[in-house]
Amino acid sequence: MSAPMSPHGPQGFSTVRGGRGYRPEDVDRYVARLAGSRDEAWERVARLTVLARQMEEEAERLRAAVAALAPQTYDELSERARRILALAQEEAEVLRADARADAAEAAGAAEAHADRVAELARHDAEAVREQTEVRARQGLLRAQREADAVRAEAREEAAAWRAEAQAGLAETRRRAQALLAEREQEQVERWDAAGREAAAREAEQEARLAEMERYAQARLG
């Protein structure tokens, strides 16, 4: 039959934070008490066994002494001797029965002790396993959150870089177009100036030719 449960766990154990598992020092003290009780039981069994052996040896010695009194029979023994022999036999039988009972009790206590220790070990192992799983899940969630944050930050930085690059490209295109337009305007202005200069020279040459024609006609006339 198992020990009654208390609000602090079996045998007065204090549970660790979260209510899973017991404090190691409580378990150690309880196991030490069980081990002490077991050792005391085995020591008592040993003492009783020695005493029973001594009583058996005494009874055997008495029986041998009685047998050496031949040709007397058991009926011929004195009343005192018969009582001593009977008492020795009864005490030896009682001691043997007590030794067997104590040995059985000690074996049962040792088995119960082993069962309790095994149950405590299983309980603590289960608590440790559950705590490990909880910590593993929490660590995985933290890692996932951190990875999501890193990915989001990377996406934001990439978007900022793309926007900056696009803005720089647009500015470069604008400057190139402005420079091209300026160069085209300068070229147009140079062509216009060259055209005006050529027209002026042509007009000047025509005027000179006309002047020369008039001069020649005047000389001939």
C-alpha atoms as a PDB file:
ATOM      1  CA  MET A   1       0.000   0.000   0.000  1.00  0.00           C
ATOM      2  CA  SER A   2       1.493   3.357  -1.025  1.00  0.00           C
ATOM      3  CA  ALA A   3       2.063   6.212   1.417  1.00  0.00           C
ATOM      4  CA  PRO A   4      -0.566   8.995   1.525  1.00  0.00           C
ATOM      5  CA  MET A   5       0.064  12.001  -0.657  1.00  0.00           C
ATOM      6  CA  SER A   6       0.562  15.410   0.980  1.00  0.00           C
ATOM      7  CA  PRO A   7       0.284  18.884  -0.595  1.00  0.00           C
ATOM      8  CA  HIS A   8       4.067  18.844  -0.822  1.00  0.00           C
ATOM      9  CA  GLY A   9       4.353  15.463  -2.537  1.00  0.00           C
ATOM     10  CA  PRO A  10       4.784  11.947  -1.089  1.00  0.00           C
ATOM     11  CA  GLN A  11       6.732  11.587   2.173  1.00  0.00           C
ATOM     12  CA  GLY A  12       6.675  15.390   2.576  1.00  0.00           C
ATOM     13  CA  PHE A  13       8.784  16.068  -0.537  1.00  0.00           C
ATOM     14  CA  SER A  14       8.822  19.667  -1.752  1.00  0.00           C
ATOM     15  CA  THR A  15       8.210  19.980  -5.474  1.00  0.00           C
ATOM     16  CA  VAL A  16      10.453  22.108  -7.658  1.00  0.00           C
ATOM     17  CA  ARG A  17       9.204  25.164  -9.529  1.00  0.00           C
ATOM     18  CA  GLY A  18       6.427  24.231 -11.922  1.00  0.00           C
ATOM     19  CA  GLY A  19       5.265  21.321  -9.743  1.00  0.00           C
ATOM     20  CA  ARG A  20       7.280  18.743 -11.694  1.00  0.00           C
ATOM     21  CA  GLY A  21       9.805  16.605  -9.846  1.00  0.00           C
ATOM     22  CA  TYR A  22      11.081  16.801  -6.275  1.00  0.00           C
ATOM     23  CA  ARG A  23      13.993  18.543  -4.693  1.00  0.00           C
ATOM     24  CA  PRO A  24      17.074  16.275  -4.855  1.00  0.00           C
ATOM     25  CA  GLU A  25      17.981  16.933  -1.208  1.00  0.00           C
ATOM     26  CA  ASP A  26      14.518  15.729  -0.044  1.00  0.00           C
ATOM     27  CA  VAL A  27      14.824  12.572  -2.133  1.00  0.00           C
ATOM     28  CA  ASP A  28      18.341  11.942  -0.830  1.00  0.00           C
ATOM     29  CA  ARG A  29      17.220  12.311   2.795  1.00  0.00           C
ATOM     30  CA  TYR A  30      14.266   9.989   2.241  1.00  0.00           C
ATOM     31  CA  VAL A  31      16.428   7.386   0.517  1.00  0.00           C
ATOM     32  CA  ALA A  32      18.953   7.647   3.361  1.00  0.00           C
ATOM     33  CA  ARG A  33      16.175   7.014   5.919  1.00  0.00           C
ATOM     34  CA  LEU A  34      14.942   4.018   3.959  1.00  0.00           C
ATOM     35  CA  ALA A  35      18.474   2.676   3.676  1.00  0.00           C
ATOM     36  CA  GLY A  36      18.950   3.113   7.440  1.00  0.00           C
ATOM     37  CA  SER A  37      15.688   1.281   8.188  1.00  0.00           C
ATOM     38  CA  ARG A  38      16.690  -1.493   5.812  1.00  0.00           C
ATOM     39  CA  ASP A  39      20.117  -1.817   7.421  1.00  0.00           C
ATOM     40  CA  GLU A  40      18.571  -1.902  10.906  1.00  0.00           C
ATOM     41  CA  ALA A  41      16.172  -4.642   9.792  1.00  0.00           C
ATOM     42  CA  TRP A  42      18.984  -6.719   8.323  1.00  0.00           C
ATOM     43  CA  GLU A  43      21.064  -6.187  11.468  1.00  0.00           C
ATOM     44  CA  ARG A  44      18.164  -7.367  13.615  1.00  0.00           C
ATOM     45  CA  VAL A  45      17.715 -10.404  11.397  1.00  0.00           C
ATOM     46  CA  ALA A  46      21.415 -11.163  11.728  1.00  0.00           C
ATOM     47  CA  ARG A  47      21.261 -10.896  15.535  1.00  0.00           C
ATOM     48  CA  LEU A  48      18.188 -13.106  15.715  1.00  0.00           C
ATOM     49  CA  THR A  49      19.787 -15.616  13.370  1.00  0.00           C
ATOM     50  CA  VAL A  50      22.889 -15.793  15.558  1.00  0.00           C
ATOM     51  CA  LEU A  51      20.761 -16.122  18.693  1.00  0.00           C
ATOM     52  CA  ALA A  52      18.645 -18.860  17.100  1.00  0.00           C
ATOM     53  CA  ARG A  53      21.799 -20.714  16.079  1.00  0.00           C
ATOM     54  CA  GLN A  54      23.128 -20.413  19.617  1.00  0.00           C
ATOM     55  CA  MET A  55      19.846 -21.693  21.063  1.00  0.00           C
ATOM     56  CA  GLU A  56      19.831 -24.576  18.612  1.00  0.00           C
ATOM     57  CA  GLU A  57      23.407 -25.394  19.576  1.00  0.00           C
ATOM     58  CA  GLU A  58      22.441 -25.263  23.260  1.00  0.00           C
ATOM     59  CA  ALA A  59      19.452 -27.511  22.641  1.00  0.00           C
ATOM     60  CA  GLU A  60      21.637 -29.907  20.685  1.00  0.00           C
ATOM     61  CA  ARG A  61      24.148 -29.869  23.511  1.00  0.00           C
ATOM     62  CA  LEU A  62      21.389 -30.647  26.004  1.00  0.00           C
ATOM     63  CA  ARG A  63      20.056 -33.429  23.804  1.00  0.00           C
ATOM     64  CA  ALA A  64      23.551 -34.872  23.519  1.00  0.00           C
ATOM     65  CA  ALA A  65      23.990 -34.637  27.268  1.00  0.00           C
ATOM     66  CA  VAL A  66      20.692 -36.385  27.818  1.00  0.00           C
ATOM     67  CA  ALA A  67      21.603 -39.077  25.310  1.00  0.00           C
ATOM     68  CA  ALA A  68      24.870 -39.638  27.168  1.00  0.00           C
ATOM     69  CA  LEU A  69      22.885 -40.538  30.293  1.00  0.00           C
ATOM     70  CA  ALA A  70      22.043 -43.991  28.917  1.00  0.00           C
ATOM     71  CA  PRO A  71      20.329 -46.172  29.642  1.00  0.00           C
ATOM     72  CA  GLN A  72      17.961 -43.512  30.961  1.00  0.00           C
ATOM     73  CA  THR A  73      15.054 -42.651  28.678  1.00  0.00           C
ATOM     74  CA  TYR A  74      13.308 -39.344  28.231  1.00  0.00           C
ATOM     75  CA  ASP A  75      10.696 -40.477  30.716  1.00  0.00           C
ATOM     76  CA  GLU A  76      13.420 -41.200  33.239  1.00  0.00           C
ATOM     77  CA  LEU A  77      14.751 -37.623  33.117  1.00  0.00           C
ATOM     78  CA  SER A  78      14.026 -35.416  36.059  1.00  0.00           C
ATOM     79  CA  GLU A  79      11.141 -33.039  35.770  1.00  0.00           C
ATOM     80  CA  ARG A  80      13.559 -30.095  35.794  1.00  0.00           C
ATOM     81  CA  ALA A  81      15.647 -31.533  32.969  1.00  0.00           C
ATOM     82  CA  ARG A  82      12.550 -32.217  30.878  1.00  0.00           C
ATOM     83  CA  ARG A  83      11.360 -28.659  31.411  1.00  0.00           C
ATOM     84  CA  ILE A  84      14.762 -27.241  30.456  1.00  0.00           C
ATOM     85  CA  LEU A  85      14.911 -29.340  27.309  1.00  0.00           C
ATOM     86  CA  ALA A  86      11.341 -28.516  26.322  1.00  0.00           C
ATOM     87  CA  LEU A  87      11.910 -24.822  27.027  1.00  0.00           C
ATOM     88  CA  ALA A  88      15.105 -24.807  24.962  1.00  0.00           C
ATOM     89  CA  GLN A  89      13.311 -26.459  22.060  1.00  0.00           C
ATOM     90  CA  GLU A  90      10.394 -24.021  22.304  1.00  0.00           C
ATOM     91  CA  GLU A  91      12.711 -21.006  22.439  1.00  0.00           C
ATOM     92  CA  ALA A  92      14.705 -22.281  19.494  1.00  0.00           C
ATOM     93  CA  GLU A  93      11.517 -22.761  17.479  1.00  0.00           C
ATOM     94  CA  VAL A  94      10.246 -19.304  18.448  1.00  0.00           C
ATOM     95  CA  LEU A  95      13.559 -17.749  17.502  1.00  0.00           C
ATOM     96  CA  ARG A  96      13.556 -19.547  14.173  1.00  0.00           C
ATOM     97  CA  ALA A  97      10.005 -18.343  13.485  1.00  0.00           C
ATOM     98  CA  ASP A  98      10.913 -14.792  14.523  1.00  0.00           C
ATOM     99  CA  ALA A  99      14.005 -14.872  12.346  1.00  0.00           C
ATOM    100  CA  ARG A 100      11.986 -16.096   9.368  1.00  0.00           C
ATOM    101  CA  ALA A 101       9.306 -13.443   9.987  1.00  0.00           C
ATOM    102  CA  ASP A 102      11.879 -10.674  10.408  1.00  0.00           C
ATOM    103  CA  ALA A 103      13.723 -11.838   7.317  1.00  0.00           C
ATOM    104  CA  ALA A 104      10.484 -11.772   5.336  1.00  0.00           C
ATOM    105  CA  GLU A 105       9.652  -8.330   6.749  1.00  0.00           C
ATOM    106  CA  ALA A 106      13.115  -7.039   5.924  1.00  0.00           C
ATOM    107  CA  ALA A 107      12.892  -8.464   2.416  1.00  0.00           C
ATOM    108  CA  GLY A 108       9.480  -6.836   1.978  1.00  0.00           C
ATOM    109  CA  ALA A 109      10.789  -3.533   3.309  1.00  0.00           C
ATOM    110  CA  ALA A 110      13.788  -3.717   0.983  1.00  0.00           C
ATOM    111  CA  GLU A 111      11.532  -4.511  -1.969  1.00  0.00           C
ATOM    112  CA  ALA A 112       9.161  -1.669  -1.044  1.00  0.00           C
ATOM    113  CA  HIS A 113      12.162   0.623  -0.671  1.00  0.00           C
ATOM    114  CA  ALA A 114      13.414  -0.385  -4.107  1.00  0.00           C
ATOM    115  CA  ASP A 115       9.937   0.168  -5.571  1.00  0.00           C
ATOM    116  CA  ARG A 116       9.680   3.625  -3.992  1.00  0.00           C
ATOM    117  CA  VAL A 117      13.139   4.615  -5.183  1.00  0.00           C
ATOM    118  CA  ALA A 118      12.366   3.319  -8.677  1.00  0.00           C
ATOM    119  CA  GLU A 119       9.070   5.228  -8.697  1.00  0.00           C
ATOM    120  CA  LEU A 120      10.827   8.405  -7.591  1.00  0.00           C
ATOM    121  CA  ALA A 121      13.454   7.889 -10.277  1.00  0.00           C
ATOM    122  CA  ARG A 122      10.777   7.329 -12.935  1.00  0.00           C
ATOM    123  CA  HIS A 123       8.848  10.370 -11.761  1.00  0.00           C
ATOM    124  CA  ASP A 124      11.956  12.572 -11.794  1.00  0.00           C
ATOM    125  CA  ALA A 125      13.038  11.182 -15.174  1.00  0.00           C
ATOM    126  CA  GLU A 126       9.597  11.976 -16.595  1.00  0.00           C
ATOM    127  CA  ALA A 127       9.725  15.475 -15.097  1.00  0.00           C
ATOM    128  CA  VAL A 128      13.201  16.046 -16.536  1.00  0.00           C
ATOM    129  CA  ARG A 129      12.057  14.757 -19.929  1.00  0.00           C
ATOM    130  CA  GLU A 130       9.014  17.053 -19.925  1.00  0.00           C
ATOM    131  CA  GLN A 131      11.114  20.018 -18.814  1.00  0.00           C
ATOM    132  CA  THR A 132      13.645  19.224 -21.543  1.00  0.00           C
ATOM    133  CA  GLU A 133      10.877  19.059 -24.146  1.00  0.00           C
ATOM    134  CA  VAL A 134       9.426  22.363 -22.919  1.00  0.00           C
ATOM    135  CA  ARG A 135      12.854  24.023 -23.053  1.00  0.00           C
ATOM    136  CA  ALA A 136      13.451  22.558 -26.513  1.00  0.00           C
ATOM    137  CA  ARG A 137      10.096  23.876 -27.764  1.00  0.00           C
ATOM    138  CA  GLN A 138      10.771  27.270 -26.223  1.00  0.00           C
ATOM    139  CA  GLY A 139      14.239  27.341 -27.788  1.00  0.00           C
ATOM    140  CA  LEU A 140      12.779  26.393 -31.165  1.00  0.00           C
ATOM    141  CA  LEU A 141      10.162  29.140 -30.896  1.00  0.00           C
ATOM    142  CA  ARG A 142      12.835  31.681 -29.948  1.00  0.00           C
ATOM    143  CA  ALA A 143      14.992  30.563 -32.862  1.00  0.00           C
ATOM    144  CA  GLN A 144      12.027  30.833 -35.233  1.00  0.00           C
ATOM    145  CA  ARG A 145      11.170  34.311 -33.947  1.00  0.00           C
ATOM    146  CA  GLU A 146      14.788  35.415 -34.294  1.00  0.00           C
ATOM    147  CA  ALA A 147      14.979  33.937 -37.802  1.00  0.00           C
ATOM    148  CA  ASP A 148      11.732  35.700 -38.761  1.00  0.00           C
ATOM    149  CA  ALA A 149      13.094  38.975 -37.387  1.00  0.00           C
ATOM    150  CA  VAL A 150      16.355  38.536 -39.305  1.00  0.00           C
ATOM    151  CA  ARG A 151      14.465  37.737 -42.513  1.00  0.00           C
ATOM    152  CA  ALA A 152      12.171  40.746 -42.045  1.00  0.00           C
ATOM    153  CA  GLU A 153      15.155  43.015 -41.388  1.00  0.00           C
ATOM    154  CA  ALA A 154      16.936  41.608 -44.445  1.00  0.00           C
ATOM    155  CA  ARG A 155      13.843  42.205 -46.584  1.00  0.00           C
ATOM    156  CA  GLU A 156      13.573  45.782 -45.294  1.00  0.00           C
ATOM    157  CA  GLU A 157      17.257  46.434 -45.984  1.00  0.00           C
ATOM    158  CA  ALA A 158      16.977  44.885 -49.450  1.00  0.00           C
ATOM    159  CA  ALA A 159      13.931  47.043 -50.198  1.00  0.00           C
ATOM    160  CA  ALA A 160      15.807  50.136 -48.994  1.00  0.00           C
ATOM    161  CA  TRP A 161      18.809  49.207 -51.146  1.00  0.00           C
ATOM    162  CA  ARG A 162      16.580  48.658 -54.181  1.00  0.00           C
ATOM    163  CA  ALA A 163      14.836  51.981 -53.621  1.00  0.00           C
ATOM    164  CA  GLU A 164      18.178  53.754 -53.226  1.00  0.00           C
ATOM    165  CA  ALA A 165      19.581  52.053 -56.314  1.00  0.00           C
ATOM    166  CA  GLN A 166      16.491  52.898 -58.343  1.00  0.00           C
ATOM    167  CA  ALA A 167      16.648  56.505 -57.165  1.00  0.00           C
ATOM    168  CA  GLY A 168      20.332  56.680 -58.107  1.00  0.00           C
ATOM    169  CA  LEU A 169      19.627  55.167 -61.517  1.00  0.00           C
ATOM    170  CA  ALA A 170      16.790  57.618 -62.115  1.00  0.00           C
ATOM    171  CA  GLU A 171      19.042  60.524 -61.121  1.00  0.00           C
ATOM    172  CA  THR A 172      21.779  59.252 -63.437  1.00  0.00           C
ATOM    173  CA  ARG A 173      19.303  58.975 -66.289  1.00  0.00           C
ATOM    174  CA  ARG A 174      17.969  62.456 -65.585  1.00  0.00           C
ATOM    175  CA  ARG A 175      21.473  63.921 -65.572  1.00  0.00           C
ATOM    176  CA  ALA A 176      22.372  62.041 -68.751  1.00  0.00           C
ATOM    177  CA  GLN A 177      19.242  63.276 -70.489  1.00  0.00           C
ATOM    178  CA  ALA A 178      19.890  66.827 -69.313  1.00  0.00           C
ATOM    179  CA  LEU A 179      23.493  66.643 -70.505  1.00  0.00           C
ATOM    180  CA  LEU A 180      22.387  65.203 -73.842  1.00  0.00           C
ATOM    181  CA  ALA A 181      19.793  67.932 -74.265  1.00  0.00           C
ATOM    182  CA  GLU A 182      22.416  70.546 -73.400  1.00  0.00           C
ATOM    183  CA  ARG A 183      24.840  69.058 -75.909  1.00  0.00           C
ATOM    184  CA  GLU A 184      22.122  68.940 -78.557  1.00  0.00           C
ATOM    185  CA  GLN A 185      21.238  72.577 -77.874  1.00  0.00           C
ATOM    186  CA  GLU A 186      24.884  73.575 -78.130  1.00  0.00           C
ATOM    187  CA  GLN A 187      25.172  71.669 -81.414  1.00  0.00           C
ATOM    188  CA  VAL A 188      22.066  73.386 -82.795  1.00  0.00           C
ATOM    189  CA  GLU A 189      23.415  76.748 -81.743  1.00  0.00           C
ATOM    190  CA  ARG A 190      26.778  75.979 -83.382  1.00  0.00           C
ATOM    191  CA  TRP A 191      25.045  74.906 -86.613  1.00  0.00           C
ATOM    192  CA  ASP A 192      22.921  78.034 -86.555  1.00  0.00           C
ATOM    193  CA  ALA A 193      25.990  80.204 -86.000  1.00  0.00           C
ATOM    194  CA  ALA A 194      27.855  78.418 -88.789  1.00  0.00           C
ATOM    195  CA  GLY A 195      24.870  78.867 -91.104  1.00  0.00           C
ATOM    196  CA  ARG A 196      24.634  82.564 -90.351  1.00  0.00           C
ATOM    197  CA  GLU A 197      28.366  82.978 -90.848  1.00  0.00           C
ATOM    198  CA  ALA A 198      28.235  81.135 -94.189  1.00  0.00           C
ATOM    199  CA  ALA A 199      25.277  83.242 -95.330  1.00  0.00           C
ATOM    200  CA  ALA A 200      27.111  86.434 -94.370  1.00  0.00           C
ATOM    201  CA  ARG A 201      30.188  85.383 -96.306  1.00  0.00           C
ATOM    202  CA  GLU A 202      28.078  84.430 -99.297  1.00  0.00           C
ATOM    203  CA  ALA A 203      26.325  87.804 -99.190  1.00  0.00           C
ATOM    204  CA  GLU A 204      29.651  89.560 -98.879  1.00  0.00           C
ATOM    205  CA  GLN A 205      31.019  87.675-101.865  1.00  0.00           C
ATOM    206  CA  GLU A 206      27.929  88.423-103.916  1.00  0.00           C
ATOM    207  CA  ALA A 207      28.252  92.096-103.013  1.00  0.00           C
ATOM    208  CA  ARG A 208      31.878  92.126-104.097  1.00  0.00           C
ATOM    209  CA  LEU A 209      31.004  90.414-107.371  1.00  0.00           C
ATOM    210  CA  ALA A 210      28.283  92.952-108.012  1.00  0.00           C
ATOM    211  CA  GLU A 211      30.687  95.786-107.235  1.00  0.00           C
ATOM    212  CA  MET A 212      33.250  94.309-109.589  1.00  0.00           C
ATOM    213  CA  GLU A 213      30.656  93.931-112.338  1.00  0.00           C
ATOM    214  CA  ARG A 214      29.637  97.557-111.951  1.00  0.00           C
ATOM    215  CA  TYR A 215      33.247  98.644-112.035  1.00  0.00           C
ATOM    216  CA  ALA A 216      33.934  96.616-115.162  1.00  0.00           C
ATOM    217  CA  GLN A 217      30.875  97.975-116.948  1.00  0.00           C
ATOM    218  CA  ALA A 218      31.869 101.493-116.021  1.00  0.00           C
ATOM    219  CA  ARG A 219      35.309 101.027-117.500  1.00  0.00           C
ATOM    220  CA  LEU A 220      33.909  99.485-120.633  1.00  0.00           C
ATOM    221  CA  GLY A 221      31.158 102.022-121.005  1.00  0.00           C
END
